[in-house]
Amino acid sequence: MTDSAANNPVLTFEGKRYDLNTLPDELKELVRGMQVADAQLRMHEDTLKVLAVGRQSLATQLNERKFFPLIFKKA
């Protein structure tokens, strides 16, 4: 394998490998779109994880302060 072949970007899709440089521009744009979508999904998954940790922290604080019995106490 030559140095230039080793540096060519490769797309692996459904078990097959494709040299990105040889794909038509339309397919390259679709690949870029999928990369953007993947990045957005990872970002939002991370956001959900942060929110879940924050929510758990709030629940822990409520539990430590024995707040729940006050909420459900009959007037």
PDB file of N, CA and C in Angstrom:
ATOM      1  N   MET A   1       0.854  -1.183   0.000  1.00  0.00           N
ATOM      2  CA  MET A   1       0.000   0.000   0.000  1.00  0.00           C
ATOM      3  C   MET A   1       0.894   1.239   0.000  1.00  0.00           C
ATOM      4  N   THR A   2       0.576   2.209  -0.813  1.00  0.00           N
ATOM      5  CA  THR A   2       1.375   3.432  -0.881  1.00  0.00           C
ATOM      6  C   THR A   2       0.956   4.387   0.217  1.00  0.00           C
ATOM      7  N   ASP A   3       1.782   5.400   0.439  1.00  0.00           N
ATOM      8  CA  ASP A   3       1.459   6.389   1.465  1.00  0.00           C
ATOM      9  C   ASP A   3       0.154   7.098   1.152  1.00  0.00           C
ATOM     10  N   SER A   4      -0.085   7.431  -0.123  1.00  0.00           N
ATOM     11  CA  SER A   4      -1.313   8.145  -0.470  1.00  0.00           C
ATOM     12  C   SER A   4      -2.532   7.261  -0.274  1.00  0.00           C
ATOM     13  N   ALA A   5      -2.409   5.970  -0.539  1.00  0.00           N
ATOM     14  CA  ALA A   5      -3.539   5.055  -0.334  1.00  0.00           C
ATOM     15  C   ALA A   5      -3.849   4.910   1.154  1.00  0.00           C
ATOM     16  N   ALA A   6      -2.824   4.958   1.985  1.00  0.00           N
ATOM     17  CA  ALA A   6      -3.035   4.820   3.430  1.00  0.00           C
ATOM     18  C   ALA A   6      -3.736   6.039   4.003  1.00  0.00           C
ATOM     19  N   ASN A   7      -3.599   7.202   3.355  1.00  0.00           N
ATOM     20  CA  ASN A   7      -4.187   8.432   3.869  1.00  0.00           C
ATOM     21  C   ASN A   7      -5.565   8.734   3.284  1.00  0.00           C
ATOM     22  N   ASN A   8      -6.011   7.945   2.309  1.00  0.00           N
ATOM     23  CA  ASN A   8      -7.323   8.185   1.712  1.00  0.00           C
ATOM     24  C   ASN A   8      -8.423   7.865   2.710  1.00  0.00           C
ATOM     25  N   PRO A   9      -9.412   8.755   2.839  1.00  0.00           N
ATOM     26  CA  PRO A   9     -10.529   8.459   3.744  1.00  0.00           C
ATOM     27  C   PRO A   9     -11.357   7.304   3.198  1.00  0.00           C
ATOM     28  N   VAL A  10     -11.775   6.435   4.106  1.00  0.00           N
ATOM     29  CA  VAL A  10     -12.533   5.252   3.726  1.00  0.00           C
ATOM     30  C   VAL A  10     -13.860   5.252   4.463  1.00  0.00           C
ATOM     31  N   LEU A  11     -14.925   4.987   3.716  1.00  0.00           N
ATOM     32  CA  LEU A  11     -16.257   4.843   4.295  1.00  0.00           C
ATOM     33  C   LEU A  11     -16.548   3.360   4.410  1.00  0.00           C
ATOM     34  N   THR A  12     -16.906   2.916   5.604  1.00  0.00           N
ATOM     35  CA  THR A  12     -17.359   1.543   5.781  1.00  0.00           C
ATOM     36  C   THR A  12     -18.860   1.597   5.976  1.00  0.00           C
ATOM     37  N   PHE A  13     -19.585   0.974   5.060  1.00  0.00           N
ATOM     38  CA  PHE A  13     -21.046   1.031   5.078  1.00  0.00           C
ATOM     39  C   PHE A  13     -21.586  -0.349   4.762  1.00  0.00           C
ATOM     40  N   GLU A  14     -22.364  -0.886   5.700  1.00  0.00           N
ATOM     41  CA  GLU A  14     -22.962  -2.216   5.567  1.00  0.00           C
ATOM     42  C   GLU A  14     -21.921  -3.274   5.212  1.00  0.00           C
ATOM     43  N   GLY A  15     -20.783  -3.201   5.910  1.00  0.00           N
ATOM     44  CA  GLY A  15     -19.749  -4.202   5.758  1.00  0.00           C
ATOM     45  C   GLY A  15     -18.844  -4.024   4.552  1.00  0.00           C
ATOM     46  N   LYS A  16     -19.078  -3.010   3.756  1.00  0.00           N
ATOM     47  CA  LYS A  16     -18.234  -2.775   2.580  1.00  0.00           C
ATOM     48  C   LYS A  16     -17.442  -1.488   2.786  1.00  0.00           C
ATOM     49  N   ARG A  17     -16.246  -1.450   2.198  1.00  0.00           N
ATOM     50  CA  ARG A  17     -15.366  -0.286   2.332  1.00  0.00           C
ATOM     51  C   ARG A  17     -15.306   0.446   0.999  1.00  0.00           C
ATOM     52  N   TYR A  18     -15.413   1.776   1.079  1.00  0.00           N
ATOM     53  CA  TYR A  18     -15.394   2.615  -0.117  1.00  0.00           C
ATOM     54  C   TYR A  18     -14.388   3.738   0.070  1.00  0.00           C
ATOM     55  N   ASP A  19     -13.602   4.008  -0.960  1.00  0.00           N
ATOM     56  CA  ASP A  19     -12.686   5.150  -0.960  1.00  0.00           C
ATOM     57  C   ASP A  19     -13.537   6.396  -1.185  1.00  0.00           C
ATOM     58  N   LEU A  20     -13.588   7.266  -0.180  1.00  0.00           N
ATOM     59  CA  LEU A  20     -14.433   8.463  -0.278  1.00  0.00           C
ATOM     60  C   LEU A  20     -14.054   9.353  -1.452  1.00  0.00           C
ATOM     61  N   ASN A  21     -12.788   9.384  -1.781  1.00  0.00           N
ATOM     62  CA  ASN A  21     -12.353  10.246  -2.879  1.00  0.00           C
ATOM     63  C   ASN A  21     -12.915   9.816  -4.231  1.00  0.00           C
ATOM     64  N   THR A  22     -13.333   8.565  -4.343  1.00  0.00           N
ATOM     65  CA  THR A  22     -13.846   8.082  -5.620  1.00  0.00           C
ATOM     66  C   THR A  22     -15.368   8.180  -5.713  1.00  0.00           C
ATOM     67  N   LEU A  23     -16.030   8.543  -4.628  1.00  0.00           N
ATOM     68  CA  LEU A  23     -17.490   8.643  -4.644  1.00  0.00           C
ATOM     69  C   LEU A  23     -17.925   9.919  -5.350  1.00  0.00           C
ATOM     70  N   PRO A  24     -19.095   9.888  -5.982  1.00  0.00           N
ATOM     71  CA  PRO A  24     -19.634  11.121  -6.583  1.00  0.00           C
ATOM     72  C   PRO A  24     -19.909  12.165  -5.508  1.00  0.00           C
ATOM     73  N   ASP A  25     -19.883  13.431  -5.908  1.00  0.00           N
ATOM     74  CA  ASP A  25     -20.094  14.530  -4.956  1.00  0.00           C
ATOM     75  C   ASP A  25     -21.418  14.405  -4.218  1.00  0.00           C
ATOM     76  N   GLU A  26     -22.440  13.938  -4.893  1.00  0.00           N
ATOM     77  CA  GLU A  26     -23.750  13.781  -4.252  1.00  0.00           C
ATOM     78  C   GLU A  26     -23.674  12.811  -3.073  1.00  0.00           C
ATOM     79  N   LEU A  27     -22.948  11.716  -3.250  1.00  0.00           N
ATOM     80  CA  LEU A  27     -22.807  10.751  -2.154  1.00  0.00           C
ATOM     81  C   LEU A  27     -21.921  11.302  -1.039  1.00  0.00           C
ATOM     82  N   LYS A  28     -20.905  12.072  -1.408  1.00  0.00           N
ATOM     83  CA  LYS A  28     -20.052  12.697  -0.388  1.00  0.00           C
ATOM     84  C   LYS A  28     -20.882  13.624   0.491  1.00  0.00           C
ATOM     85  N   GLU A  29     -21.812  14.358  -0.115  1.00  0.00           N
ATOM     86  CA  GLU A  29     -22.691  15.248   0.651  1.00  0.00           C
ATOM     87  C   GLU A  29     -23.589  14.450   1.587  1.00  0.00           C
ATOM     88  N   LEU A  30     -24.087  13.317   1.129  1.00  0.00           N
ATOM     89  CA  LEU A  30     -24.915  12.464   1.991  1.00  0.00           C
ATOM     90  C   LEU A  30     -24.102  11.940   3.175  1.00  0.00           C
ATOM     91  N   VAL A  31     -22.866  11.566   2.912  1.00  0.00           N
ATOM     92  CA  VAL A  31     -21.989  11.084   3.991  1.00  0.00           C
ATOM     93  C   VAL A  31     -21.744  12.205   4.997  1.00  0.00           C
ATOM     94  N   ARG A  32     -21.476  13.414   4.509  1.00  0.00           N
ATOM     95  CA  ARG A  32     -21.278  14.555   5.419  1.00  0.00           C
ATOM     96  C   ARG A  32     -22.539  14.805   6.247  1.00  0.00           C
ATOM     97  N   GLY A  33     -23.692  14.693   5.610  1.00  0.00           N
ATOM     98  CA  GLY A  33     -24.952  14.871   6.338  1.00  0.00           C
ATOM     99  C   GLY A  33     -25.111  13.848   7.444  1.00  0.00           C
ATOM    100  N   MET A  34     -24.744  12.604   7.158  1.00  0.00           N
ATOM    101  CA  MET A  34     -24.819  11.563   8.194  1.00  0.00           C
ATOM    102  C   MET A  34     -23.835  11.845   9.317  1.00  0.00           C
ATOM    103  N   GLN A  35     -22.657  12.363   8.986  1.00  0.00           N
ATOM    104  CA  GLN A  35     -21.678  12.697  10.019  1.00  0.00           C
ATOM    105  C   GLN A  35     -22.199  13.808  10.923  1.00  0.00           C
ATOM    106  N   VAL A  36     -22.837  14.800  10.324  1.00  0.00           N
ATOM    107  CA  VAL A  36     -23.424  15.894  11.108  1.00  0.00           C
ATOM    108  C   VAL A  36     -24.535  15.351  12.007  1.00  0.00           C
ATOM    109  N   ALA A  37     -25.384  14.497  11.444  1.00  0.00           N
ATOM    110  CA  ALA A  37     -26.478  13.914  12.234  1.00  0.00           C
ATOM    111  C   ALA A  37     -25.925  13.098  13.396  1.00  0.00           C
ATOM    112  N   ASP A  38     -24.879  12.311  13.149  1.00  0.00           N
ATOM    113  CA  ASP A  38     -24.262  11.526  14.222  1.00  0.00           C
ATOM    114  C   ASP A  38     -23.700  12.428  15.315  1.00  0.00           C
ATOM    115  N   ALA A  39     -23.054  13.514  14.906  1.00  0.00           N
ATOM    116  CA  ALA A  39     -22.490  14.445  15.888  1.00  0.00           C
ATOM    117  C   ALA A  39     -23.599  15.090  16.717  1.00  0.00           C
ATOM    118  N   GLN A  40     -24.695  15.463  16.073  1.00  0.00           N
ATOM    119  CA  GLN A  40     -25.822  16.070  16.788  1.00  0.00           C
ATOM    120  C   GLN A  40     -26.434  15.070  17.765  1.00  0.00           C
ATOM    121  N   LEU A  41     -26.578  13.818  17.338  1.00  0.00           N
ATOM    122  CA  LEU A  41     -27.114  12.791  18.242  1.00  0.00           C
ATOM    123  C   LEU A  41     -26.223  12.623  19.467  1.00  0.00           C
ATOM    124  N   ARG A  42     -24.904  12.554  19.256  1.00  0.00           N
ATOM    125  CA  ARG A  42     -23.997  12.412  20.400  1.00  0.00           C
ATOM    126  C   ARG A  42     -24.112  13.611  21.333  1.00  0.00           C
ATOM    127  N   MET A  43     -24.212  14.806  20.767  1.00  0.00           N
ATOM    128  CA  MET A  43     -24.317  16.011  21.589  1.00  0.00           C
ATOM    129  C   MET A  43     -25.597  15.964  22.433  1.00  0.00           C
ATOM    130  N   HIS A  44     -26.711  15.602  21.818  1.00  0.00           N
ATOM    131  CA  HIS A  44     -27.969  15.575  22.558  1.00  0.00           C
ATOM    132  C   HIS A  44     -28.011  14.421  23.558  1.00  0.00           C
ATOM    133  N   GLU A  45     -27.377  13.304  23.236  1.00  0.00           N
ATOM    134  CA  GLU A  45     -27.286  12.217  24.209  1.00  0.00           C
ATOM    135  C   GLU A  45     -26.499  12.667  25.438  1.00  0.00           C
ATOM    136  N   ASP A  46     -25.415  13.410  25.202  1.00  0.00           N
ATOM    137  CA  ASP A  46     -24.628  13.945  26.325  1.00  0.00           C
ATOM    138  C   ASP A  46     -25.459  14.922  27.148  1.00  0.00           C
ATOM    139  N   THR A  47     -26.253  15.758  26.479  1.00  0.00           N
ATOM    140  CA  THR A  47     -27.117  16.705  27.182  1.00  0.00           C
ATOM    141  C   THR A  47     -28.120  15.959  28.056  1.00  0.00           C
ATOM    142  N   LEU A  48     -28.698  14.899  27.521  1.00  0.00           N
ATOM    143  CA  LEU A  48     -29.648  14.105  28.308  1.00  0.00           C
ATOM    144  C   LEU A  48     -28.976  13.488  29.529  1.00  0.00           C
ATOM    145  N   LYS A  49     -27.746  13.039  29.370  1.00  0.00           N
ATOM    146  CA  LYS A  49     -27.021  12.479  30.511  1.00  0.00           C
ATOM    147  C   LYS A  49     -26.806  13.531  31.596  1.00  0.00           C
ATOM    148  N   VAL A  50     -26.443  14.740  31.188  1.00  0.00           N
ATOM    149  CA  VAL A  50     -26.233  15.826  32.149  1.00  0.00           C
ATOM    150  C   VAL A  50     -27.537  16.152  32.867  1.00  0.00           C
ATOM    151  N   LEU A  51     -28.629  16.214  32.106  1.00  0.00           N
ATOM    152  CA  LEU A  51     -29.931  16.505  32.719  1.00  0.00           C
ATOM    153  C   LEU A  51     -30.341  15.403  33.695  1.00  0.00           C
ATOM    154  N   ALA A  52     -30.075  14.154  33.347  1.00  0.00           N
ATOM    155  CA  ALA A  52     -30.428  13.043  34.240  1.00  0.00           C
ATOM    156  C   ALA A  52     -29.636  13.122  35.539  1.00  0.00           C
ATOM    157  N   VAL A  53     -28.349  13.470  35.443  1.00  0.00           N
ATOM    158  CA  VAL A  53     -27.534  13.599  36.652  1.00  0.00           C
ATOM    159  C   VAL A  53     -28.045  14.754  37.507  1.00  0.00           C
ATOM    160  N   GLY A  54     -28.373  15.873  36.865  1.00  0.00           N
ATOM    161  CA  GLY A  54     -28.917  17.010  37.604  1.00  0.00           C
ATOM    162  C   GLY A  54     -30.227  16.679  38.291  1.00  0.00           C
ATOM    163  N   ARG A  55     -31.083  15.978  37.573  1.00  0.00           N
ATOM    164  CA  ARG A  55     -32.376  15.575  38.144  1.00  0.00           C
ATOM    165  C   ARG A  55     -32.166  14.659  39.345  1.00  0.00           C
ATOM    166  N   GLN A  56     -31.253  13.711  39.225  1.00  0.00           N
ATOM    167  CA  GLN A  56     -30.972  12.799  40.333  1.00  0.00           C
ATOM    168  C   GLN A  56     -30.431  13.565  41.529  1.00  0.00           C
ATOM    169  N   SER A  57     -29.599  14.554  41.265  1.00  0.00           N
ATOM    170  CA  SER A  57     -29.057  15.370  42.349  1.00  0.00           C
ATOM    171  C   SER A  57     -30.169  16.133  43.061  1.00  0.00           C
ATOM    172  N   LEU A  58     -31.095  16.672  42.303  1.00  0.00           N
ATOM    173  CA  LEU A  58     -32.218  17.380  42.908  1.00  0.00           C
ATOM    174  C   LEU A  58     -33.073  16.436  43.751  1.00  0.00           C
ATOM    175  N   ALA A  59     -33.314  15.242  43.237  1.00  0.00           N
ATOM    176  CA  ALA A  59     -34.105  14.257  43.991  1.00  0.00           C
ATOM    177  C   ALA A  59     -33.397  13.877  45.281  1.00  0.00           C
ATOM    178  N   THR A  60     -32.092  13.729  45.210  1.00  0.00           N
ATOM    179  CA  THR A  60     -31.316  13.398  46.413  1.00  0.00           C
ATOM    180  C   THR A  60     -31.415  14.515  47.439  1.00  0.00           C
ATOM    181  N   GLN A  61     -31.320  15.760  46.972  1.00  0.00           N
ATOM    182  CA  GLN A  61     -31.434  16.887  47.890  1.00  0.00           C
ATOM    183  C   GLN A  61     -32.817  16.941  48.531  1.00  0.00           C
ATOM    184  N   LEU A  62     -33.847  16.684  47.751  1.00  0.00           N
ATOM    185  CA  LEU A  62     -35.204  16.663  48.325  1.00  0.00           C
ATOM    186  C   LEU A  62     -35.328  15.563  49.368  1.00  0.00           C
ATOM    187  N   ASN A  63     -34.790  14.407  49.064  1.00  0.00           N
ATOM    188  CA  ASN A  63     -34.879  13.279  49.982  1.00  0.00           C
ATOM    189  C   ASN A  63     -34.097  13.554  51.268  1.00  0.00           C
ATOM    190  N   GLU A  64     -32.936  14.170  51.149  1.00  0.00           N
ATOM    191  CA  GLU A  64     -32.129  14.478  52.328  1.00  0.00           C
ATOM    192  C   GLU A  64     -32.823  15.476  53.245  1.00  0.00           C
ATOM    193  N   ARG A  65     -33.624  16.325  52.701  1.00  0.00           N
ATOM    194  CA  ARG A  65     -34.308  17.350  53.504  1.00  0.00           C
ATOM    195  C   ARG A  65     -35.687  16.886  53.964  1.00  0.00           C
ATOM    196  N   LYS A  66     -35.984  15.653  53.698  1.00  0.00           N
ATOM    197  CA  LYS A  66     -37.275  15.072  54.131  1.00  0.00           C
ATOM    198  C   LYS A  66     -38.439  15.914  53.619  1.00  0.00           C
ATOM    199  N   PHE A  67     -38.301  16.366  52.393  1.00  0.00           N
ATOM    200  CA  PHE A  67     -39.309  17.246  51.808  1.00  0.00           C
ATOM    201  C   PHE A  67     -40.532  16.476  51.334  1.00  0.00           C
ATOM    202  N   PHE A  68     -40.351  15.252  50.906  1.00  0.00           N
ATOM    203  CA  PHE A  68     -41.474  14.504  50.347  1.00  0.00           C
ATOM    204  C   PHE A  68     -42.643  14.330  51.322  1.00  0.00           C
ATOM    205  N   PRO A  69     -42.410  14.043  52.591  1.00  0.00           N
ATOM    206  CA  PRO A  69     -43.572  13.922  53.488  1.00  0.00           C
ATOM    207  C   PRO A  69     -44.369  15.216  53.596  1.00  0.00           C
ATOM    208  N   LEU A  70     -43.713  16.361  53.466  1.00  0.00           N
ATOM    209  CA  LEU A  70     -44.416  17.624  53.547  1.00  0.00           C
ATOM    210  C   LEU A  70     -45.349  17.832  52.346  1.00  0.00           C
ATOM    211  N   ILE A  71     -44.946  17.343  51.216  1.00  0.00           N
ATOM    212  CA  ILE A  71     -45.752  17.503  50.006  1.00  0.00           C
ATOM    213  C   ILE A  71     -47.063  16.731  50.131  1.00  0.00           C
ATOM    214  N   PHE A  72     -46.966  15.519  50.680  1.00  0.00           N
ATOM    215  CA  PHE A  72     -48.114  14.634  50.696  1.00  0.00           C
ATOM    216  C   PHE A  72     -48.885  14.671  52.021  1.00  0.00           C
ATOM    217  N   LYS A  73     -48.504  15.564  52.913  1.00  0.00           N
ATOM    218  CA  LYS A  73     -49.175  15.672  54.204  1.00  0.00           C
ATOM    219  C   LYS A  73     -50.575  16.247  54.004  1.00  0.00           C
ATOM    220  N   LYS A  74     -51.553  15.639  54.623  1.00  0.00           N
ATOM    221  CA  LYS A  74     -52.933  16.119  54.497  1.00  0.00           C
ATOM    222  C   LYS A  74     -53.108  17.382  55.329  1.00  0.00           C
ATOM    223  N   ALA A  75     -53.866  18.306  54.776  1.00  0.00           N
ATOM    224  CA  ALA A  75     -54.074  19.584  55.440  1.00  0.00           C
ATOM    225  C   ALA A  75     -55.009  19.498  56.591  1.00  0.00           C
TER     226      ALA A  75
END
